[in-house]
């Protein structure tokens, strides 16, 4: 099982990777709050997706977040590292993403 610090670092790594790739993929018209709930650690993080970037990552849950990712710590690390395919993980219920369908389509471009 990964630690809270490992999960925090993974989210910051994801934010850095998205920023590095922002110019190549073009601007993404998505501005939503995001919560990442790590079930096995009983913790959460929240931030904001704006223009294809992951911004303002902080500890704690945001119950009003428009997009919520629910997963275990190990699956979060695998997902960020590219070792876990998002579509397969959703289909096998390793992860859950709660968002409206239009936001899910836009999120696919990020992941």
N, C-alpha and C. Protein backbone atom coordinates (compact mmCIF):
# COMPACT_ATOMS: atom_id res chain seq x y z
N UNK A 1 0.85 -1.17 0.00
CA UNK A 1 0.00 0.00 0.00
C UNK A 1 0.90 1.24 0.00
N UNK A 2 0.54 2.19 -0.86
CA UNK A 2 1.28 3.45 -0.94
C UNK A 2 0.89 4.35 0.23
N UNK A 3 1.70 5.35 0.47
CA UNK A 3 1.44 6.28 1.57
C UNK A 3 0.72 7.52 1.05
N UNK A 4 0.27 8.33 1.98
CA UNK A 4 -0.38 9.61 1.63
C UNK A 4 0.62 10.48 0.87
N UNK A 5 1.87 10.50 1.31
CA UNK A 5 2.89 11.29 0.63
C UNK A 5 3.13 10.80 -0.80
N UNK A 6 3.11 9.47 -1.00
CA UNK A 6 3.26 8.91 -2.35
C UNK A 6 2.13 9.39 -3.25
N UNK A 7 0.91 9.38 -2.74
CA UNK A 7 -0.25 9.83 -3.52
C UNK A 7 -0.17 11.31 -3.83
N UNK A 8 0.23 12.10 -2.86
CA UNK A 8 0.38 13.54 -3.06
C UNK A 8 1.42 13.81 -4.14
N UNK A 9 2.55 13.11 -4.05
CA UNK A 9 3.62 13.28 -5.04
C UNK A 9 3.13 12.87 -6.43
N UNK A 10 2.37 11.78 -6.51
CA UNK A 10 1.86 11.32 -7.80
C UNK A 10 0.96 12.37 -8.44
N UNK A 11 0.11 13.00 -7.65
CA UNK A 11 -0.77 14.04 -8.20
C UNK A 11 0.02 15.26 -8.65
N UNK A 12 1.05 15.62 -7.92
CA UNK A 12 1.90 16.75 -8.33
C UNK A 12 2.70 16.38 -9.59
N UNK A 13 3.12 15.12 -9.70
CA UNK A 13 3.80 14.66 -10.92
C UNK A 13 2.86 14.73 -12.12
N UNK A 14 1.60 14.32 -11.90
CA UNK A 14 0.61 14.40 -12.96
C UNK A 14 0.39 15.84 -13.39
N UNK A 15 0.31 16.75 -12.43
CA UNK A 15 0.13 18.17 -12.74
C UNK A 15 1.30 18.69 -13.58
N UNK A 16 2.51 18.30 -13.22
CA UNK A 16 3.69 18.74 -13.97
C UNK A 16 3.70 18.17 -15.39
N UNK A 17 3.30 16.92 -15.52
CA UNK A 17 3.25 16.29 -16.84
C UNK A 17 2.19 16.96 -17.72
N UNK A 18 1.03 17.26 -17.15
CA UNK A 18 -0.02 17.94 -17.91
C UNK A 18 0.44 19.32 -18.36
N UNK A 19 1.17 20.01 -17.50
CA UNK A 19 1.67 21.33 -17.85
C UNK A 19 2.69 21.23 -18.98
N UNK A 20 3.56 20.23 -18.91
CA UNK A 20 4.58 20.06 -19.94
C UNK A 20 3.95 19.72 -21.30
N UNK A 21 2.82 19.02 -21.28
CA UNK A 21 2.15 18.60 -22.51
C UNK A 21 1.07 19.57 -22.98
N UNK A 22 0.83 20.64 -22.25
CA UNK A 22 -0.28 21.55 -22.55
C UNK A 22 -0.18 22.15 -23.94
N UNK A 23 1.00 22.57 -24.34
CA UNK A 23 1.15 23.20 -25.64
C UNK A 23 0.94 22.21 -26.78
N UNK A 24 1.39 20.98 -26.61
CA UNK A 24 1.30 19.98 -27.67
C UNK A 24 -0.15 19.59 -27.95
N UNK A 25 -0.98 19.53 -26.91
CA UNK A 25 -2.34 19.04 -27.14
C UNK A 25 -3.34 20.17 -27.35
N UNK A 26 -2.92 21.41 -27.14
CA UNK A 26 -3.83 22.52 -27.31
C UNK A 26 -4.66 22.76 -26.07
N UNK A 27 -5.34 23.87 -26.06
CA UNK A 27 -6.13 24.25 -24.88
C UNK A 27 -7.39 23.38 -24.78
N UNK A 28 -7.65 22.87 -23.61
CA UNK A 28 -8.82 22.05 -23.35
C UNK A 28 -9.85 22.91 -22.63
N UNK A 29 -11.03 22.99 -23.19
CA UNK A 29 -12.09 23.81 -22.61
C UNK A 29 -12.78 23.06 -21.48
N UNK A 30 -12.13 23.04 -20.34
CA UNK A 30 -12.68 22.36 -19.17
C UNK A 30 -12.19 23.09 -17.92
N UNK A 31 -13.12 23.58 -17.14
CA UNK A 31 -12.79 24.27 -15.91
C UNK A 31 -13.68 23.70 -14.82
N UNK A 32 -13.15 22.75 -14.06
CA UNK A 32 -13.94 22.04 -13.06
C UNK A 32 -13.11 21.79 -11.80
N UNK A 33 -13.81 21.71 -10.68
CA UNK A 33 -13.16 21.29 -9.44
C UNK A 33 -13.02 19.77 -9.47
N UNK A 34 -11.98 19.29 -8.82
CA UNK A 34 -11.67 17.86 -8.84
C UNK A 34 -11.37 17.39 -7.43
N UNK A 35 -11.90 16.23 -7.09
CA UNK A 35 -11.56 15.57 -5.83
C UNK A 35 -11.00 14.20 -6.16
N UNK A 36 -9.95 13.82 -5.47
CA UNK A 36 -9.36 12.49 -5.61
C UNK A 36 -9.46 11.82 -4.25
N UNK A 37 -10.30 10.80 -4.16
CA UNK A 37 -10.55 10.12 -2.89
C UNK A 37 -9.82 8.79 -2.90
N UNK A 38 -8.92 8.62 -1.94
CA UNK A 38 -8.10 7.41 -1.84
C UNK A 38 -8.70 6.54 -0.74
N UNK A 39 -9.40 5.51 -1.15
CA UNK A 39 -10.23 4.73 -0.23
C UNK A 39 -9.45 3.95 0.82
N UNK A 40 -8.34 3.33 0.45
CA UNK A 40 -7.62 2.49 1.41
C UNK A 40 -6.86 3.30 2.46
N UNK A 41 -6.61 4.56 2.17
CA UNK A 41 -5.92 5.42 3.15
C UNK A 41 -6.89 6.32 3.90
N UNK A 42 -8.13 6.35 3.45
CA UNK A 42 -9.12 7.21 4.10
C UNK A 42 -8.78 8.68 3.99
N UNK A 43 -8.19 9.07 2.86
CA UNK A 43 -7.79 10.46 2.65
C UNK A 43 -8.26 10.94 1.30
N UNK A 44 -8.11 12.21 1.07
CA UNK A 44 -8.52 12.79 -0.21
C UNK A 44 -7.68 14.02 -0.50
N UNK A 45 -7.70 14.39 -1.76
CA UNK A 45 -7.03 15.59 -2.25
C UNK A 45 -8.02 16.31 -3.14
N UNK A 46 -7.83 17.59 -3.31
CA UNK A 46 -8.68 18.31 -4.25
C UNK A 46 -7.89 19.39 -4.95
N UNK A 47 -8.41 19.78 -6.08
CA UNK A 47 -7.77 20.81 -6.88
C UNK A 47 -8.74 21.28 -7.94
N UNK A 48 -8.17 21.77 -9.04
CA UNK A 48 -9.00 22.31 -10.10
C UNK A 48 -8.35 21.98 -11.44
N UNK A 49 -9.18 21.62 -12.40
CA UNK A 49 -8.71 21.43 -13.77
C UNK A 49 -9.14 22.67 -14.55
N UNK A 50 -8.18 23.32 -15.15
CA UNK A 50 -8.48 24.52 -15.95
C UNK A 50 -7.54 24.56 -17.15
N UNK A 51 -8.11 24.66 -18.33
CA UNK A 51 -7.30 24.76 -19.54
C UNK A 51 -6.39 23.57 -19.75
N UNK A 52 -6.79 22.40 -19.28
CA UNK A 52 -5.97 21.20 -19.44
C UNK A 52 -4.89 21.05 -18.39
N UNK A 53 -4.91 21.90 -17.38
CA UNK A 53 -3.91 21.83 -16.31
C UNK A 53 -4.57 21.43 -15.00
N UNK A 54 -3.81 20.77 -14.16
CA UNK A 54 -4.26 20.42 -12.82
C UNK A 54 -3.61 21.41 -11.86
N UNK A 55 -4.45 22.21 -11.21
CA UNK A 55 -3.95 23.33 -10.41
C UNK A 55 -4.41 23.23 -8.95
N UNK A 56 -3.71 23.92 -8.10
CA UNK A 56 -4.11 24.13 -6.70
C UNK A 56 -4.40 22.81 -5.95
N UNK A 57 -3.52 21.84 -6.07
CA UNK A 57 -3.71 20.56 -5.38
C UNK A 57 -3.48 20.74 -3.90
N UNK A 58 -4.46 20.34 -3.10
CA UNK A 58 -4.36 20.45 -1.64
C UNK A 58 -4.92 19.20 -0.99
N UNK A 59 -4.53 18.99 0.25
CA UNK A 59 -5.07 17.87 1.02
C UNK A 59 -6.51 18.15 1.41
N UNK A 60 -7.28 17.10 1.55
CA UNK A 60 -8.67 17.23 1.98
C UNK A 60 -9.63 17.02 0.84
N UNK A 61 -10.84 16.67 1.19
CA UNK A 61 -11.88 16.39 0.21
C UNK A 61 -12.61 17.67 -0.15
N UNK A 62 -13.23 17.66 -1.31
CA UNK A 62 -14.14 18.72 -1.72
C UNK A 62 -15.45 18.04 -2.10
N UNK A 63 -16.40 17.96 -1.18
CA UNK A 63 -17.64 17.25 -1.45
C UNK A 63 -18.46 17.87 -2.59
N UNK A 64 -18.16 19.11 -2.94
CA UNK A 64 -18.89 19.78 -4.02
C UNK A 64 -18.16 19.71 -5.36
N UNK A 65 -17.08 18.94 -5.42
CA UNK A 65 -16.29 18.84 -6.65
C UNK A 65 -17.15 18.32 -7.80
N UNK A 66 -16.96 18.89 -8.96
CA UNK A 66 -17.71 18.49 -10.15
C UNK A 66 -17.22 17.16 -10.72
N UNK A 67 -15.95 16.84 -10.44
CA UNK A 67 -15.36 15.58 -10.89
C UNK A 67 -14.72 14.91 -9.69
N UNK A 68 -15.01 13.64 -9.50
CA UNK A 68 -14.43 12.89 -8.37
C UNK A 68 -13.82 11.60 -8.88
N UNK A 69 -12.57 11.39 -8.54
CA UNK A 69 -11.86 10.15 -8.83
C UNK A 69 -11.78 9.37 -7.53
N UNK A 70 -12.27 8.13 -7.54
CA UNK A 70 -12.26 7.29 -6.35
C UNK A 70 -11.44 6.05 -6.68
N UNK A 71 -10.39 5.82 -5.89
CA UNK A 71 -9.49 4.70 -6.17
C UNK A 71 -8.68 4.34 -4.93
N UNK A 72 -7.88 3.31 -5.04
CA UNK A 72 -6.96 2.95 -3.97
C UNK A 72 -5.62 3.63 -4.23
N UNK A 73 -4.78 3.66 -3.22
CA UNK A 73 -3.49 4.33 -3.36
C UNK A 73 -2.62 3.68 -4.43
N UNK A 74 -2.55 2.36 -4.43
CA UNK A 74 -1.73 1.67 -5.43
C UNK A 74 -2.24 1.90 -6.85
N UNK A 75 -3.55 1.87 -7.03
CA UNK A 75 -4.11 2.10 -8.35
C UNK A 75 -3.91 3.54 -8.80
N UNK A 76 -3.94 4.49 -7.88
CA UNK A 76 -3.66 5.88 -8.23
C UNK A 76 -2.23 6.02 -8.75
N UNK A 77 -1.28 5.41 -8.06
CA UNK A 77 0.12 5.48 -8.51
C UNK A 77 0.30 4.83 -9.87
N UNK A 78 -0.35 3.68 -10.08
CA UNK A 78 -0.26 3.00 -11.39
C UNK A 78 -0.91 3.84 -12.48
N UNK A 79 -2.02 4.46 -12.17
CA UNK A 79 -2.73 5.30 -13.15
C UNK A 79 -1.86 6.48 -13.57
N UNK A 80 -1.27 7.16 -12.62
CA UNK A 80 -0.43 8.32 -12.91
C UNK A 80 0.84 7.90 -13.66
N UNK A 81 1.38 6.74 -13.32
CA UNK A 81 2.60 6.26 -13.96
C UNK A 81 2.33 5.71 -15.37
N UNK A 82 1.06 5.58 -15.74
CA UNK A 82 0.73 5.03 -17.05
C UNK A 82 0.72 3.52 -17.10
N UNK A 83 0.78 2.88 -15.94
CA UNK A 83 0.79 1.42 -15.88
C UNK A 83 -0.62 0.83 -15.82
N UNK A 84 -1.62 1.69 -15.67
CA UNK A 84 -3.01 1.26 -15.57
C UNK A 84 -3.83 2.03 -16.60
N UNK A 85 -4.44 1.30 -17.51
CA UNK A 85 -5.26 1.90 -18.55
C UNK A 85 -6.58 2.39 -17.94
N UNK A 86 -6.91 3.65 -18.18
CA UNK A 86 -8.10 4.25 -17.57
C UNK A 86 -9.37 3.51 -17.97
N UNK A 87 -9.52 3.20 -19.24
CA UNK A 87 -10.73 2.53 -19.71
C UNK A 87 -10.89 1.17 -19.07
N UNK A 88 -9.83 0.40 -19.03
CA UNK A 88 -9.90 -0.93 -18.40
C UNK A 88 -10.14 -0.83 -16.90
N UNK A 89 -9.50 0.14 -16.27
CA UNK A 89 -9.68 0.32 -14.83
C UNK A 89 -11.11 0.71 -14.49
N UNK A 90 -11.71 1.54 -15.33
CA UNK A 90 -13.12 1.90 -15.13
C UNK A 90 -14.02 0.68 -15.34
N UNK A 91 -13.75 -0.08 -16.40
CA UNK A 91 -14.57 -1.25 -16.70
C UNK A 91 -14.48 -2.32 -15.62
N UNK A 92 -13.30 -2.47 -15.02
CA UNK A 92 -13.11 -3.48 -13.98
C UNK A 92 -13.41 -2.94 -12.59
N UNK A 93 -13.80 -1.68 -12.53
CA UNK A 93 -14.15 -1.00 -11.28
C UNK A 93 -12.97 -0.86 -10.32
N UNK A 94 -11.77 -0.81 -10.86
CA UNK A 94 -10.60 -0.51 -10.04
C UNK A 94 -10.63 0.95 -9.63
N UNK A 95 -11.14 1.78 -10.53
CA UNK A 95 -11.31 3.20 -10.25
C UNK A 95 -12.73 3.59 -10.60
N UNK A 96 -13.19 4.68 -10.03
CA UNK A 96 -14.49 5.23 -10.40
C UNK A 96 -14.29 6.73 -10.62
N UNK A 97 -14.91 7.22 -11.67
CA UNK A 97 -14.88 8.65 -11.93
C UNK A 97 -16.32 9.12 -11.98
N UNK A 98 -16.63 10.03 -11.08
CA UNK A 98 -17.97 10.59 -11.01
C UNK A 98 -17.94 11.98 -11.65
N UNK A 99 -18.61 12.08 -12.79
CA UNK A 99 -18.65 13.34 -13.52
C UNK A 99 -19.77 13.26 -14.53
N UNK A 100 -20.16 14.40 -15.08
CA UNK A 100 -21.19 14.33 -16.11
C UNK A 100 -20.55 13.78 -17.39
N UNK A 101 -21.34 13.18 -18.27
CA UNK A 101 -20.79 12.52 -19.47
C UNK A 101 -19.96 13.43 -20.37
N UNK A 102 -20.33 14.69 -20.48
CA UNK A 102 -19.57 15.61 -21.33
C UNK A 102 -18.19 15.88 -20.75
N UNK A 103 -18.11 15.98 -19.42
CA UNK A 103 -16.81 16.17 -18.77
C UNK A 103 -15.94 14.93 -18.94
N UNK A 104 -16.54 13.75 -18.88
CA UNK A 104 -15.78 12.51 -19.07
C UNK A 104 -15.14 12.47 -20.46
N UNK A 105 -15.88 12.90 -21.46
CA UNK A 105 -15.32 12.93 -22.81
C UNK A 105 -14.13 13.88 -22.91
N UNK A 106 -14.23 15.01 -22.25
CA UNK A 106 -13.12 15.97 -22.25
C UNK A 106 -11.93 15.45 -21.44
N UNK A 107 -12.22 14.74 -20.35
CA UNK A 107 -11.15 14.19 -19.52
C UNK A 107 -10.32 13.16 -20.28
N UNK A 108 -10.95 12.43 -21.18
CA UNK A 108 -10.22 11.43 -21.95
C UNK A 108 -9.05 12.04 -22.70
N UNK A 109 -9.21 13.29 -23.11
CA UNK A 109 -8.12 13.97 -23.83
C UNK A 109 -6.93 14.22 -22.91
N UNK A 110 -7.20 14.41 -21.62
CA UNK A 110 -6.11 14.64 -20.67
C UNK A 110 -5.37 13.37 -20.35
N UNK A 111 -6.10 12.28 -20.17
CA UNK A 111 -5.50 11.03 -19.72
C UNK A 111 -5.03 10.23 -20.90
